[in-house]
C-alpha atoms as a PDB file:
ATOM      1  CA  MET A   1     123.698 121.269  89.150  1.00  0.00           C
ATOM      2  CA  LYS A   2     120.431 123.113  89.838  1.00  0.00           C
ATOM      3  CA  VAL A   3     117.328 120.757  91.153  1.00  0.00           C
ATOM      4  CA  ALA A   4     113.880 121.590  90.791  1.00  0.00           C
ATOM      5  CA  VAL A   5     111.622 119.646  93.375  1.00  0.00           C
ATOM      6  CA  ILE A   6     107.973 119.910  91.565  1.00  0.00           C
ATOM      7  CA  GLY A   7     105.448 119.095  94.378  1.00  0.00           C
ATOM      8  CA  LEU A   8     105.798 119.964  98.177  1.00  0.00           C
ATOM      9  CA  GLY A   9     103.855 117.469 100.106  1.00  0.00           C
ATOM     10  CA  ALA A  10     105.627 114.625 102.247  1.00  0.00           C
ATOM     11  CA  ILE A  11     108.176 113.084  99.852  1.00  0.00           C
ATOM     12  CA  GLY A  12     108.756 116.413  98.018  1.00  0.00           C
ATOM     13  CA  GLY A  13     109.067 118.488 100.936  1.00  0.00           C
ATOM     14  CA  LEU A  14     111.688 116.035 102.429  1.00  0.00           C
ATOM     15  CA  VAL A  15     113.693 115.973  99.284  1.00  0.00           C
ATOM     16  CA  ALA A  16     113.655 119.801  98.815  1.00  0.00           C
ATOM     17  CA  GLY A  17     114.507 120.214 102.532  1.00  0.00           C
ATOM     18  CA  TYR A  18     117.167 117.712 102.596  1.00  0.00           C
ATOM     19  CA  LEU A  19     119.071 118.562  99.524  1.00  0.00           C
ATOM     20  CA  LYS A  20     118.814 122.137 100.492  1.00  0.00           C
ATOM     21  CA  ALA A  21     120.358 121.490 103.538  1.00  0.00           C
ATOM     22  CA  LYS A  22     123.243 119.646 102.004  1.00  0.00           C
ATOM     23  CA  GLY A  23     124.092 122.695  99.532  1.00  0.00           C
ATOM     24  CA  VAL A  24     122.402 121.501  96.663  1.00  0.00           C
ATOM     25  CA  ALA A  25     120.871 124.638  94.336  1.00  0.00           C
ATOM     26  CA  VAL A  26     116.992 123.503  94.965  1.00  0.00           C
ATOM     27  CA  VAL A  27     114.088 125.347  93.155  1.00  0.00           C
ATOM     28  CA  PRO A  28     110.995 124.002  95.245  1.00  0.00           C
ATOM     29  CA  VAL A  29     107.520 124.388  93.407  1.00  0.00           C
ATOM     30  CA  GLY A  30     104.460 124.028  95.259  1.00  0.00           C
ATOM     31  CA  ARG A  31     100.840 125.187  95.681  1.00  0.00           C
ATOM     32  CA  LEU A  32     100.190 128.723  96.798  1.00  0.00           C
ATOM     33  CA  GLU A  33      99.320 127.616 100.348  1.00  0.00           C
ATOM     34  CA  GLN A  34     102.572 125.890 100.836  1.00  0.00           C
ATOM     35  CA  LYS A  35     104.622 128.998  99.369  1.00  0.00           C
ATOM     36  CA  LYS A  36     102.711 131.484 101.853  1.00  0.00           C
ATOM     37  CA  GLN A  37     103.346 128.975 104.995  1.00  0.00           C
ATOM     38  CA  ILE A  38     106.889 127.918 104.251  1.00  0.00           C
ATOM     39  CA  GLU A  39     108.239 131.201 103.217  1.00  0.00           C
ATOM     40  CA  ARG A  40     106.629 132.458 106.381  1.00  0.00           C
ATOM     41  CA  HIS A  41     107.719 129.828 108.939  1.00  0.00           C
ATOM     42  CA  GLY A  42     110.078 127.909 106.892  1.00  0.00           C
ATOM     43  CA  LEU A  43     109.990 124.314 106.460  1.00  0.00           C
ATOM     44  CA  GLN A  44     110.138 122.253 109.581  1.00  0.00           C
ATOM     45  CA  ILE A  45     111.430 118.430 109.329  1.00  0.00           C
ATOM     46  CA  GLU A  46     111.412 116.137 112.043  1.00  0.00           C
ATOM     47  CA  GLY A  47     112.534 112.544 112.178  1.00  0.00           C
ATOM     48  CA  PRO A  48     115.535 110.074 112.430  1.00  0.00           C
ATOM     49  CA  ARG A  49     118.031 112.632 111.441  1.00  0.00           C
ATOM     50  CA  GLY A  50     116.775 114.964 113.903  1.00  0.00           C
ATOM     51  CA  PRO A  51     114.816 118.280 113.662  1.00  0.00           C
ATOM     52  CA  ALA A  52     115.622 120.886 110.774  1.00  0.00           C
ATOM     53  CA  LEU A  53     114.446 124.133 109.864  1.00  0.00           C
ATOM     54  CA  VAL A  54     115.079 124.878 105.978  1.00  0.00           C
ATOM     55  CA  TYR A  55     114.139 127.827 104.429  1.00  0.00           C
ATOM     56  CA  LEU A  56     112.983 127.918 100.768  1.00  0.00           C
ATOM     57  CA  ASP A  57     111.780 130.401  97.969  1.00  0.00           C
ATOM     58  CA  VAL A  58     109.086 128.596  96.782  1.00  0.00           C
ATOM     59  CA  LYS A  59     107.651 129.133  93.199  1.00  0.00           C
ATOM     60  CA  THR A  60     104.185 127.891  92.042  1.00  0.00           C
ATOM     61  CA  ARG A  61     105.517 126.828  88.864  1.00  0.00           C
ATOM     62  CA  LEU A  62     108.899 126.448  87.469  1.00  0.00           C
ATOM     63  CA  GLU A  63     110.532 129.594  86.037  1.00  0.00           C
ATOM     64  CA  GLU A  64     113.903 129.052  85.033  1.00  0.00           C
ATOM     65  CA  LYS A  65     116.118 126.386  83.319  1.00  0.00           C
ATOM     66  CA  VAL A  66     117.452 123.618  85.798  1.00  0.00           C
ATOM     67  CA  ASP A  67     119.349 120.285  85.165  1.00  0.00           C
ATOM     68  CA  LEU A  68     116.877 117.763  86.971  1.00  0.00           C
ATOM     69  CA  VAL A  69     113.238 118.026  87.855  1.00  0.00           C
ATOM     70  CA  ILE A  70     112.039 115.597  90.618  1.00  0.00           C
ATOM     71  CA  LEU A  71     108.444 115.422  90.123  1.00  0.00           C
ATOM     72  CA  THR A  72     107.023 114.472  93.553  1.00  0.00           C
ATOM     73  CA  VAL A  73     103.173 114.988  92.924  1.00  0.00           C
ATOM     74  CA  LYS A  74     100.589 111.983  92.800  1.00  0.00           C
ATOM     75  CA  THR A  75     100.300 110.394  89.464  1.00  0.00           C
ATOM     76  CA  GLN A  76      96.627 112.109  88.897  1.00  0.00           C
ATOM     77  CA  ASP A  77      98.339 115.896  89.139  1.00  0.00           C
ATOM     78  CA  ILE A  78     101.041 115.037  86.654  1.00  0.00           C
ATOM     79  CA  ARG A  79      99.242 116.382  83.697  1.00  0.00           C
ATOM     80  CA  ASP A  80      98.544 119.763  85.690  1.00  0.00           C
ATOM     81  CA  ALA A  81     101.860 119.981  87.327  1.00  0.00           C
ATOM     82  CA  VAL A  82     103.789 119.505  83.555  1.00  0.00           C
ATOM     83  CA  ASP A  83     101.481 121.982  81.783  1.00  0.00           C
ATOM     84  CA  LYS A  84     102.083 124.529  84.394  1.00  0.00           C
ATOM     85  CA  SER A  85     105.879 124.165  83.833  1.00  0.00           C
ATOM     86  CA  ARG A  86     105.855 123.009  80.372  1.00  0.00           C
ATOM     87  CA  ASP A  87     108.370 125.774  78.865  1.00  0.00           C
ATOM     88  CA  PHE A  88     111.316 124.703  81.183  1.00  0.00           C
ATOM     89  CA  LEU A  89     110.446 120.832  81.196  1.00  0.00           C
ATOM     90  CA  VAL A  90     110.417 120.020  77.121  1.00  0.00           C
ATOM     91  CA  ASN A  91     113.896 119.129  75.531  1.00  0.00           C
ATOM     92  CA  GLY A  92     115.608 120.541  78.701  1.00  0.00           C
ATOM     93  CA  PRO A  93     116.229 118.871  81.816  1.00  0.00           C
ATOM     94  CA  LEU A  94     116.423 115.001  83.014  1.00  0.00           C
ATOM     95  CA  ILE A  95     113.104 114.518  84.580  1.00  0.00           C
ATOM     96  CA  LEU A  96     112.716 112.067  87.487  1.00  0.00           C
ATOM     97  CA  SER A  97     109.599 110.457  88.175  1.00  0.00           C
ATOM     98  CA  THR A  98     108.602 109.128  91.920  1.00  0.00           C
ATOM     99  CA  GLN A  99     105.166 108.497  91.409  1.00  0.00           C
ATOM    100  CA  ASN A 100     103.441 104.995  93.123  1.00  0.00           C
ATOM    101  CA  GLY A 101     101.965 102.700  90.801  1.00  0.00           C
ATOM    102  CA  VAL A 102     102.778 101.761  87.355  1.00  0.00           C
ATOM    103  CA  ARG A 103     101.142 104.349  85.163  1.00  0.00           C
ATOM    104  CA  ALA A 104     103.317 107.673  85.452  1.00  0.00           C
ATOM    105  CA  ASP A 105     106.454 106.837  83.557  1.00  0.00           C
ATOM    106  CA  LYS A 106     103.909 106.013  80.594  1.00  0.00           C
ATOM    107  CA  LEU A 107     102.422 109.256  81.014  1.00  0.00           C
ATOM    108  CA  LEU A 108     105.299 111.152  81.275  1.00  0.00           C
ATOM    109  CA  SER A 109     106.648 109.560  78.351  1.00  0.00           C
ATOM    110  CA  LEU A 110     103.928 110.669  76.083  1.00  0.00           C
ATOM    111  CA  MET A 111     103.694 114.166  77.428  1.00  0.00           C
ATOM    112  CA  LEU A 112     107.576 114.922  77.293  1.00  0.00           C
ATOM    113  CA  GLY A 113     109.244 112.052  75.464  1.00  0.00           C
ATOM    114  CA  PRO A 114     111.103 109.197  77.037  1.00  0.00           C
ATOM    115  CA  GLU A 115     114.800 110.826  76.119  1.00  0.00           C
ATOM    116  CA  ASN A 116     115.218 112.354  79.318  1.00  0.00           C
ATOM    117  CA  LEU A 117     112.835 110.471  81.505  1.00  0.00           C
ATOM    118  CA  VAL A 118     114.514 108.766  84.826  1.00  0.00           C
ATOM    119  CA  ALA A 119     112.435 106.494  87.163  1.00  0.00           C
ATOM    120  CA  SER A 120     112.592 106.069  90.760  1.00  0.00           C
ATOM    121  CA  ILE A 121     111.086 104.229  93.728  1.00  0.00           C
ATOM    122  CA  VAL A 122     111.133 105.776  96.859  1.00  0.00           C
ATOM    123  CA  MET A 123     111.514 103.225  99.774  1.00  0.00           C
ATOM    124  CA  PHE A 124     111.894 105.720 102.637  1.00  0.00           C
ATOM    125  CA  GLY A 125     108.621 107.227 104.403  1.00  0.00           C
ATOM    126  CA  ALA A 126     107.409 110.414 105.132  1.00  0.00           C
ATOM    127  CA  THR A 127     104.134 112.384 106.500  1.00  0.00           C
ATOM    128  CA  TYR A 128     103.123 115.562 105.322  1.00  0.00           C
ATOM    129  CA  VAL A 129     101.526 118.308 107.915  1.00  0.00           C
ATOM    130  CA  PRO A 130     100.072 121.080 105.543  1.00  0.00           C
ATOM    131  CA  TYR A 131     101.538 123.459 104.847  1.00  0.00           C
ATOM    132  CA  HIS A 132     105.088 123.536 106.180  1.00  0.00           C
ATOM    133  CA  ARG A 133     105.928 120.814 108.240  1.00  0.00           C
ATOM    134  CA  VAL A 134     106.970 117.157 107.544  1.00  0.00           C
ATOM    135  CA  VAL A 135     107.483 114.116 109.578  1.00  0.00           C
ATOM    136  CA  HIS A 136     110.470 112.036 108.051  1.00  0.00           C
ATOM    137  CA  ASN A 137     109.367 108.515 109.665  1.00  0.00           C
ATOM    138  CA  PHE A 138     111.446 105.940 108.476  1.00  0.00           C
ATOM    139  CA  GLU A 139     114.733 105.993 106.326  1.00  0.00           C
ATOM    140  CA  GLY A 140     115.141 103.544 103.100  1.00  0.00           C
ATOM    141  CA  ASN A 141     116.829 103.310  99.325  1.00  0.00           C
ATOM    142  CA  TRP A 142     115.811 105.684  96.790  1.00  0.00           C
ATOM    143  CA  LEU A 143     115.939 103.298  93.593  1.00  0.00           C
ATOM    144  CA  ILE A 144     116.807 104.708  90.259  1.00  0.00           C
ATOM    145  CA  GLY A 145     116.814 103.350  86.893  1.00  0.00           C
ATOM    146  CA  ARG A 146     115.422 104.092  83.124  1.00  0.00           C
ATOM    147  CA  PRO A 147     112.131 102.985  82.128  1.00  0.00           C
ATOM    148  CA  PHE A 148     112.225 102.467  78.900  1.00  0.00           C
ATOM    149  CA  GLY A 149     115.937 101.126  77.996  1.00  0.00           C
ATOM    150  CA  THR A 150     118.951 100.203  80.007  1.00  0.00           C
ATOM    151  CA  ASN A 151     120.830 102.573  82.560  1.00  0.00           C
ATOM    152  CA  ASP A 152     123.127 105.119  81.043  1.00  0.00           C
ATOM    153  CA  GLU A 153     124.899 108.478  82.309  1.00  0.00           C
ATOM    154  CA  ALA A 154     121.527 109.685  83.234  1.00  0.00           C
ATOM    155  CA  VAL A 155     121.410 107.396  86.002  1.00  0.00           C
ATOM    156  CA  THR A 156     124.694 107.867  87.101  1.00  0.00           C
ATOM    157  CA  ARG A 157     124.451 111.839  87.311  1.00  0.00           C
ATOM    158  CA  VAL A 158     120.979 111.571  89.191  1.00  0.00           C
ATOM    159  CA  VAL A 159     122.297 109.163  91.612  1.00  0.00           C
ATOM    160  CA  GLU A 160     125.232 111.427  92.373  1.00  0.00           C
ATOM    161  CA  ILE A 161     123.094 114.154  93.162  1.00  0.00           C
ATOM    162  CA  LEU A 162     120.601 112.546  95.147  1.00  0.00           C
ATOM    163  CA  LYS A 163     123.205 110.598  97.269  1.00  0.00           C
ATOM    164  CA  THR A 164     124.230 113.979  98.678  1.00  0.00           C
ATOM    165  CA  ALA A 165     121.170 113.415 101.203  1.00  0.00           C
ATOM    166  CA  PHE A 166     119.916 109.957 100.370  1.00  0.00           C
ATOM    167  CA  GLU A 167     120.743 106.268  99.924  1.00  0.00           C
ATOM    168  CA  ALA A 168     120.364 106.202  95.836  1.00  0.00           C
ATOM    169  CA  VAL A 169     120.482 103.138  94.356  1.00  0.00           C
ATOM    170  CA  PRO A 170     121.017 102.333  90.788  1.00  0.00           C
ATOM    171  CA  VAL A 171     118.754  99.361  89.647  1.00  0.00           C
ATOM    172  CA  ALA A 172     118.576  97.232  86.141  1.00  0.00           C
ATOM    173  CA  ASN A 173     114.922  96.764  86.222  1.00  0.00           C
ATOM    174  CA  ILE A 174     113.142  99.839  87.465  1.00  0.00           C
ATOM    175  CA  SER A 175     109.445  99.236  85.701  1.00  0.00           C
ATOM    176  CA  GLY A 176     109.352  95.588  86.845  1.00  0.00           C
ATOM    177  CA  MET A 177     110.137  96.666  90.645  1.00  0.00           C
ATOM    178  CA  LYS A 178     107.420  99.012  89.980  1.00  0.00           C
ATOM    179  CA  TRP A 179     104.730  96.333  90.129  1.00  0.00           C
ATOM    180  CA  THR A 180     106.465  94.815  93.368  1.00  0.00           C
ATOM    181  CA  LYS A 181     105.933  98.480  94.944  1.00  0.00           C
ATOM    182  CA  VAL A 182     102.469  98.153  94.424  1.00  0.00           C
ATOM    183  CA  PHE A 183     102.316  95.560  96.913  1.00  0.00           C
ATOM    184  CA  VAL A 184     104.139  97.454  99.590  1.00  0.00           C
ATOM    185  CA  ASN A 185     102.053 100.551  98.869  1.00  0.00           C
ATOM    186  CA  ALA A 186      98.672  98.007  98.915  1.00  0.00           C
ATOM    187  CA  SER A 187      98.894  98.262 102.952  1.00  0.00           C
ATOM    188  CA  ASN A 188      97.867 101.613 102.937  1.00  0.00           C
ATOM    189  CA  CYS A 189      94.243 101.091 101.676  1.00  0.00           C
ATOM    190  CA  ILE A 190      92.829  99.951 104.944  1.00  0.00           C
ATOM    191  CA  PRO A 191      93.963 102.617 107.079  1.00  0.00           C
ATOM    192  CA  ALA A 192      92.659 105.197 104.741  1.00  0.00           C
ATOM    193  CA  VAL A 193      88.940 103.905 105.083  1.00  0.00           C
ATOM    194  CA  LEU A 194      89.333 103.452 109.073  1.00  0.00           C
ATOM    195  CA  GLY A 195      91.060 107.102 109.208  1.00  0.00           C
ATOM    196  CA  LYS A 196      93.694 105.913 111.816  1.00  0.00           C
ATOM    197  CA  SER A 197      97.549 105.400 111.201  1.00  0.00           C
ATOM    198  CA  MET A 198      99.220 102.372 110.108  1.00  0.00           C
ATOM    199  CA  GLN A 199     100.172 101.319 113.346  1.00  0.00           C
ATOM    200  CA  GLU A 200      96.649 101.461 115.060  1.00  0.00           C
ATOM    201  CA  THR A 201      95.112  99.860 112.124  1.00  0.00           C
ATOM    202  CA  TYR A 202      97.338  97.019 112.337  1.00  0.00           C
ATOM    203  CA  SER A 203      97.474  96.340 115.972  1.00  0.00           C
ATOM    204  CA  ASP A 204      94.045  94.924 115.105  1.00  0.00           C
ATOM    205  CA  LEU A 205      94.734  91.452 114.083  1.00  0.00           C
ATOM    206  CA  GLU A 206      91.688  91.389 112.280  1.00  0.00           C
ATOM    207  CA  MET A 207      92.615  94.111 110.001  1.00  0.00           C
ATOM    208  CA  CYS A 208      95.941  92.353 109.523  1.00  0.00           C
ATOM    209  CA  ARG A 209      94.106  89.243 108.253  1.00  0.00           C
ATOM    210  CA  TRP A 210      92.109  91.491 105.835  1.00  0.00           C
ATOM    211  CA  ALA A 211      95.305  92.987 104.749  1.00  0.00           C
ATOM    212  CA  LEU A 212      96.730  89.497 104.146  1.00  0.00           C
ATOM    213  CA  ARG A 213      93.537  88.682 102.077  1.00  0.00           C
ATOM    214  CA  ILE A 214      93.999  91.742  99.794  1.00  0.00           C
ATOM    215  CA  LEU A 215      97.536  90.912  99.197  1.00  0.00           C
ATOM    216  CA  LYS A 216      97.138  87.364  98.606  1.00  0.00           C
ATOM    217  CA  GLU A 217      94.076  88.000  95.939  1.00  0.00           C
ATOM    218  CA  GLY A 218      96.688  90.695  94.221  1.00  0.00           C
ATOM    219  CA  PHE A 219      99.263  88.238  94.127  1.00  0.00           C
ATOM    220  CA  ASP A 220      96.951  85.913  92.264  1.00  0.00           C
ATOM    221  CA  VAL A 221      96.257  88.705  90.069  1.00  0.00           C
ATOM    222  CA  VAL A 222      99.708  89.258  88.766  1.00  0.00           C
ATOM    223  CA  ASP A 223     100.184  85.284  88.758  1.00  0.00           C
ATOM    224  CA  GLN A 224      97.713  84.978  86.149  1.00  0.00           C
ATOM    225  CA  LEU A 225      98.676  87.892  84.281  1.00  0.00           C
ATOM    226  CA  LYS A 226     102.042  86.458  84.021  1.00  0.00           C
ATOM    227  CA  ILE A 227     103.450  89.462  85.387  1.00  0.00           C
ATOM    228  CA  GLU A 228     106.946  89.295  86.952  1.00  0.00           C
ATOM    229  CA  LEU A 229     107.633  90.671  90.185  1.00  0.00           C
ATOM    230  CA  LEU A 230     111.281  91.672  90.846  1.00  0.00           C
ATOM    231  CA  ASP A 231     112.801  91.801  94.356  1.00  0.00           C
ATOM    232  CA  MET A 232     114.229  95.093  95.284  1.00  0.00           C
ATOM    233  CA  PRO A 233     116.997  95.868  97.360  1.00  0.00           C
ATOM    234  CA  ASP A 234     116.297  94.895 101.055  1.00  0.00           C
ATOM    235  CA  PHE A 235     112.933  93.683  99.966  1.00  0.00           C
ATOM    236  CA  GLU A 236     112.498  89.899  98.826  1.00  0.00           C
ATOM    237  CA  VAL A 237     108.802  89.424  96.954  1.00  0.00           C
ATOM    238  CA  LYS A 238     108.680  85.864  98.205  1.00  0.00           C
ATOM    239  CA  LYS A 239     108.707  86.889 102.049  1.00  0.00           C
ATOM    240  CA  LEU A 240     105.475  88.662 101.443  1.00  0.00           C
ATOM    241  CA  LYS A 241     103.861  86.549  99.021  1.00  0.00           C
ATOM    242  CA  GLY A 242     104.882  83.565 101.362  1.00  0.00           C
ATOM    243  CA  LEU A 243     103.538  85.428 104.446  1.00  0.00           C
ATOM    244  CA  SER A 244      99.879  86.306 102.744  1.00  0.00           C
ATOM    245  CA  ALA A 245      99.624  82.604 101.719  1.00  0.00           C
ATOM    246  CA  LEU A 246      99.796  81.388 105.105  1.00  0.00           C
ATOM    247  CA  PRO A 247      96.786  80.165 107.550  1.00  0.00           C
ATOM    248  CA  PRO A 248      95.578  83.987 108.364  1.00  0.00           C
ATOM    249  CA  GLU A 249      95.969  82.995 112.106  1.00  0.00           C
ATOM    250  CA  GLN A 250      99.409  82.394 111.695  1.00  0.00           C
ATOM    251  CA  ALA A 251     100.278  85.187 109.466  1.00  0.00           C
ATOM    252  CA  ALA A 252      98.380  87.949 111.056  1.00  0.00           C
ATOM    253  CA  PRO A 253     100.445  88.358 114.153  1.00  0.00           C
ATOM    254  CA  VAL A 254     103.557  88.546 111.941  1.00  0.00           C
ATOM    255  CA  TYR A 255     102.301  90.803 109.590  1.00  0.00           C
ATOM    256  CA  SER A 256     101.290  93.098 112.676  1.00  0.00           C
ATOM    257  CA  GLY A 257     104.587  93.275 114.442  1.00  0.00           C
ATOM    258  CA  ILE A 258     106.161  94.316 111.031  1.00  0.00           C
ATOM    259  CA  MET A 259     103.565  96.938 110.266  1.00  0.00           C
ATOM    260  CA  THR A 260     103.303  98.496 113.931  1.00  0.00           C
ATOM    261  CA  LYS A 261     107.255  99.164 114.058  1.00  0.00           C
ATOM    262  CA  LEU A 262     107.664 100.886 110.916  1.00  0.00           C
ATOM    263  CA  SER A 263     107.903 104.148 112.483  1.00  0.00           C
ATOM    264  CA  GLU A 264     108.191 105.618 116.167  1.00  0.00           C
ATOM    265  CA  GLU A 265     105.843 108.350 115.177  1.00  0.00           C
ATOM    266  CA  PRO A 266     102.380 107.486 113.901  1.00  0.00           C
ATOM    267  CA  LEU A 267     102.713 106.835 110.236  1.00  0.00           C
ATOM    268  CA  TYR A 268      99.771 107.663 107.960  1.00  0.00           C
ATOM    269  CA  GLY A 269     100.092 106.163 104.394  1.00  0.00           C
ATOM    270  CA  SER A 270      99.750 108.224 101.441  1.00  0.00           C
ATOM    271  CA  ILE A 271      96.244 107.637 100.486  1.00  0.00           C
ATOM    272  CA  LEU A 272      95.183 108.886 103.908  1.00  0.00           C
ATOM    273  CA  GLN A 273      97.331 111.797 104.042  1.00  0.00           C
ATOM    274  CA  SER A 274      95.629 112.705 100.520  1.00  0.00           C
ATOM    275  CA  ILE A 275      91.883 112.454 102.038  1.00  0.00           C
ATOM    276  CA  GLN A 276      92.887 114.510 105.264  1.00  0.00           C
ATOM    277  CA  ARG A 277      93.919 117.168 102.666  1.00  0.00           C
ATOM    278  CA  GLY A 278      90.705 117.088 100.826  1.00  0.00           C
ATOM    279  CA  ARG A 279      92.447 115.715  97.685  1.00  0.00           C
ATOM    280  CA  PRO A 280      92.007 112.684  95.496  1.00  0.00           C
ATOM    281  CA  SER A 281      94.004 109.711  96.548  1.00  0.00           C
ATOM    282  CA  GLU A 282      96.450 107.419  94.518  1.00  0.00           C
ATOM    283  CA  ILE A 283      94.090 104.491  95.230  1.00  0.00           C
ATOM    284  CA  ASP A 284      93.359 104.044  91.457  1.00  0.00           C
ATOM    285  CA  PHE A 285      96.842 103.559  90.767  1.00  0.00           C
ATOM    286  CA  ILE A 286      97.603 100.730  93.767  1.00  0.00           C
ATOM    287  CA  ASN A 287      94.331  98.775  94.683  1.00  0.00           C
ATOM    288  CA  GLY A 288      92.782  99.950  91.955  1.00  0.00           C
ATOM    289  CA  GLU A 289      95.303  99.037  89.479  1.00  0.00           C
ATOM    290  CA  LEU A 290      94.898  95.284  90.199  1.00  0.00           C
ATOM    291  CA  ALA A 291      91.217  95.835  90.162  1.00  0.00           C
ATOM    292  CA  ASN A 292      91.067  97.155  86.693  1.00  0.00           C
ATOM    293  CA  GLN A 293      93.865  94.705  85.355  1.00  0.00           C
ATOM    294  CA  ALA A 294      91.717  91.849  86.920  1.00  0.00           C
ATOM    295  CA  LYS A 295      88.412  93.407  85.472  1.00  0.00           C
ATOM    296  CA  THR A 296      90.256  93.675  81.817  1.00  0.00           C
ATOM    297  CA  HIS A 297      90.912  90.125  82.080  1.00  0.00           C
ATOM    298  CA  ASN A 298      87.845  88.481  83.610  1.00  0.00           C
ATOM    299  CA  ILE A 299      89.951  87.934  86.568  1.00  0.00           C
ATOM    300  CA  ASP A 300      88.164  87.508  90.208  1.00  0.00           C
ATOM    301  CA  ALA A 301      89.960  90.716  92.206  1.00  0.00           C
ATOM    302  CA  ARG A 302      86.643  91.425  94.484  1.00  0.00           C
ATOM    303  CA  LEU A 303      88.505  92.514  97.306  1.00  0.00           C
ATOM    304  CA  ASN A 304      90.799  94.975  95.610  1.00  0.00           C
ATOM    305  CA  THR A 305      87.975  96.265  93.745  1.00  0.00           C
ATOM    306  CA  ARG A 306      85.829  96.624  96.848  1.00  0.00           C
ATOM    307  CA  ILE A 307      88.565  98.485  99.084  1.00  0.00           C
ATOM    308  CA  THR A 308      88.859 100.686  95.833  1.00  0.00           C
ATOM    309  CA  GLU A 309      85.281 101.593  96.208  1.00  0.00           C
ATOM    310  CA  LEU A 310      85.523 102.107  99.805  1.00  0.00           C
ATOM    311  CA  VAL A 311      88.205 104.718  99.811  1.00  0.00           C
ATOM    312  CA  HIS A 312      86.437 106.442  96.972  1.00  0.00           C
ATOM    313  CA  ARG A 313      83.437 106.722  99.299  1.00  0.00           C
ATOM    314  CA  VAL A 314      85.503 107.895 101.969  1.00  0.00           C
ATOM    315  CA  GLU A 315      87.239 110.650  99.788  1.00  0.00           C
ATOM    316  CA  GLU A 316      83.308 111.785  98.626  1.00  0.00           C
ATOM    317  CA  THR A 317      81.652 111.740 102.030  1.00  0.00           C
ATOM    318  CA  LYS A 318      84.379 112.245 104.415  1.00  0.00           C
ATOM    319  CA  ASN A 319      83.238 109.763 106.763  1.00  0.00           C
ATOM    320  CA  PHE A 320      85.749 106.799 107.736  1.00  0.00           C
ATOM    321  CA  MET A 321      84.212 103.269 108.806  1.00  0.00           C
ATOM    322  CA  THR A 322      84.628 101.545 112.044  1.00  0.00           C
ATOM    323  CA  PRO A 323      86.716  98.311 111.794  1.00  0.00           C
ATOM    324  CA  GLU A 324      83.659  96.476 112.630  1.00  0.00           C
ATOM    325  CA  ALA A 325      81.490  98.008 109.877  1.00  0.00           C
ATOM    326  CA  PHE A 326      84.892  97.644 107.587  1.00  0.00           C
ATOM    327  CA  SER A 327      84.755  94.144 108.429  1.00  0.00           C
ATOM    328  CA  GLN A 328      81.252  93.281 107.905  1.00  0.00           C
ATOM    329  CA  ASP A 329      81.485  94.817 104.543  1.00  0.00           C
ATOM    330  CA  MET A 330      84.333  93.277 103.224  1.00  0.00           C
ATOM    331  CA  GLU A 331      83.167  89.615 104.502  1.00  0.00           C
ATOM    332  CA  LYS A 332      79.942  90.394 102.407  1.00  0.00           C
ATOM    333  CA  CYS A 333      81.802  91.319  99.315  1.00  0.00           C
ATOM    334  CA  SER A 334      83.800  88.191  99.690  1.00  0.00           C
ATOM    335  CA  GLN A 335      80.830  85.714  99.956  1.00  0.00           C
ATOM    336  CA  ILE A 336      79.264  87.138  96.698  1.00  0.00           C
ATOM    337  CA  LYS A 337      79.131  84.341  93.974  1.00  0.00           C
ATOM    338  CA  ARG A 338      81.756  84.494  91.136  1.00  0.00           C
ATOM    339  CA  GLU A 339      78.992  84.935  88.629  1.00  0.00           C
ATOM    340  CA  ASP A 340      77.200  87.570  90.347  1.00  0.00           C
ATOM    341  CA  PHE A 341      80.414  89.816  91.063  1.00  0.00           C
ATOM    342  CA  PHE A 342      81.078  89.786  87.239  1.00  0.00           C
END
């Protein structure tokens, strides 16, 4: 099968590079600056599988028929990516979504129809170093399933292709698991505001305490909305939920130990990577999703609302906060009376 990868950032670059190295016919689609650098230097990959140099013939839009399109752009970039390659996306290949958050599949269904849409959750990590280098930070499963209906031959075909290079796993309720992944990604927000790696951020126990408070508030929101969070392979919701419910002084060292050991290389979350490249981040689809759902249903989610606002402020000003200034800001927010907040 011929596979197109649209979006050559951290995940897209890693996917295109690893599949090509395994002999899969890959059509990589990226921005012009990516095309120039990758074709000049090759795509350089570093990580647990060792260094690799893969040469790719990058296109700026899809110009040929393929069997599978792996869409690895951020949710906010889906519309533009689809419009550029629409002629070869409609009524043709299987479309595999990879976006964080819970909105991408609905958007793609409206734009391209649900028939050929397969959803996925990426549990491995990577860092993008513009425009031709990707650091593979850690291994993990790639969960695959139908977002609207039961799994079928399409899911089997996608899993077979991806298994050439990744731990692809079919799952029965991918949409429910995507809400769980929101909480996995929610840890990206504080490093984005500070401009620091995950390891550096969460070696500070005060930052761990704030991360846990943000998570606990998010869990309270989904509980009130009666949204069911489903376990993912190798990830149990009750463990993270239970950790966030412990006294902060007890939970913070445990959380710090987890987050600082995610990768031997500095790990920069997807939100900060976007800010560093001068592009809009996906904060509105992670902490912002919890904040918006809470606002719609008159639920208090002030911490997730405020962290979303702070990320947008950093996006606009390019001025990162100090840990001390961040703590003061969040503490001030937490003390606002509920009636004043609304």
